[in-house]
Amino acid sequence: MDHAEIKELIPLKALSRLDGDEARAVDDHLAARCDECERELASFNEALAAMAMAEGGDDIPSDRIWSRLQARLDASRPPKRN
């Protein structure tokens, strides 16, 4: 699995939604100390923590936090190929 494929899986790693070969590939890549992917994972973890701690009477994260998370997901997505 190449770097771009690993980077696409980082959001799922932050959500603990990887298993099997994908989880091992991402873990191995991070263990090899890829600074870019480590920063990306930390960024997603930070956004998720902010969502978990968001204050609100109905326990729904604010639109601002969802917007930030969506922007990060969009930025990590590679451009579509025709």
Protein backbone atom coordinates (compact mmCIF):
# COMPACT_ATOMS: atom_id res chain seq x y z
CA MET A 1 0.00 0.00 0.00
CA ASP A 2 1.49 3.36 -0.96
CA HIS A 3 1.55 6.61 1.01
CA ALA A 4 -1.51 8.09 -0.73
CA GLU A 5 -3.58 5.00 0.03
CA ILE A 6 -2.47 5.07 3.67
CA LYS A 7 -3.31 8.78 3.93
CA GLU A 8 -6.85 8.08 2.70
CA LEU A 9 -7.29 5.66 5.63
CA ILE A 10 -6.16 8.11 8.34
CA PRO A 11 -9.68 9.47 9.01
CA LEU A 12 -10.92 5.90 9.50
CA LYS A 13 -7.99 5.20 11.82
CA ALA A 14 -9.01 8.20 13.94
CA LEU A 15 -12.53 6.78 14.13
CA SER A 16 -11.21 3.28 14.98
CA ARG A 17 -12.92 1.92 11.88
CA LEU A 18 -10.04 -0.06 10.39
CA ASP A 19 -9.34 -3.74 10.77
CA GLY A 20 -7.33 -6.46 9.15
CA ASP A 21 -4.78 -5.58 6.50
CA GLU A 22 -5.75 -1.91 6.39
CA ALA A 23 -5.25 -1.47 10.13
CA ARG A 24 -1.87 -3.23 9.98
CA ALA A 25 -0.77 -1.16 6.98
CA VAL A 26 -1.63 2.12 8.69
CA ASP A 27 -0.05 1.03 11.99
CA ASP A 28 3.14 -0.06 10.21
CA HIS A 29 3.26 3.21 8.28
CA LEU A 30 2.86 5.27 11.44
CA ALA A 31 5.44 3.12 13.24
CA ALA A 32 7.88 4.05 10.45
CA ARG A 33 7.46 7.65 11.69
CA CYS A 34 5.74 9.32 8.74
CA ASP A 35 5.49 12.88 10.06
CA GLU A 36 2.82 13.89 7.55
CA CYS A 37 0.47 11.05 8.49
CA GLU A 38 1.17 11.47 12.20
CA ARG A 39 0.15 15.15 11.93
CA GLU A 40 -2.93 14.20 9.93
CA LEU A 41 -3.99 11.62 12.52
CA ALA A 42 -3.37 14.08 15.36
CA SER A 43 -5.49 16.67 13.55
CA PHE A 44 -8.42 14.26 13.17
CA ASN A 45 -8.07 13.12 16.78
CA GLU A 46 -8.14 16.75 17.90
CA ALA A 47 -11.29 17.42 15.89
CA LEU A 48 -12.97 14.32 17.31
CA ALA A 49 -12.01 15.32 20.86
CA ALA A 50 -13.44 18.79 20.29
CA MET A 51 -16.66 17.26 19.06
CA ALA A 52 -16.87 15.00 22.10
CA MET A 53 -16.35 17.94 24.43
CA ALA A 54 -18.64 20.36 22.59
CA GLU A 55 -21.12 21.98 24.85
CA GLY A 56 -24.74 21.94 23.91
CA GLY A 57 -28.02 21.20 25.59
CA ASP A 58 -28.87 18.53 23.07
CA ASP A 59 -25.39 16.95 22.96
CA ILE A 60 -25.02 17.70 19.23
CA PRO A 61 -21.65 19.20 18.24
CA SER A 62 -21.84 22.69 16.89
CA ASP A 63 -22.04 23.36 13.17
CA ARG A 64 -18.63 25.02 13.40
CA ILE A 65 -16.98 21.81 14.58
CA TRP A 66 -18.73 19.71 11.94
CA SER A 67 -17.64 22.23 9.30
CA ARG A 68 -14.02 22.01 10.45
CA LEU A 69 -14.11 18.21 10.40
CA GLN A 70 -15.68 18.18 6.93
CA ALA A 71 -13.03 20.60 5.67
CA ARG A 72 -10.28 18.35 7.00
CA LEU A 73 -11.84 15.29 5.39
CA ASP A 74 -12.20 17.13 2.08
CA ALA A 75 -8.60 18.35 2.23
CA SER A 76 -7.31 14.84 2.81
CA ARG A 77 -9.24 13.40 -0.12
CA PRO A 78 -7.15 13.11 -3.29
CA PRO A 79 -8.49 14.82 -6.41
CA LYS A 80 -10.79 12.71 -8.58
CA ARG A 81 -9.27 11.31 -11.73
CA ASN A 82 -11.20 11.28 -14.98
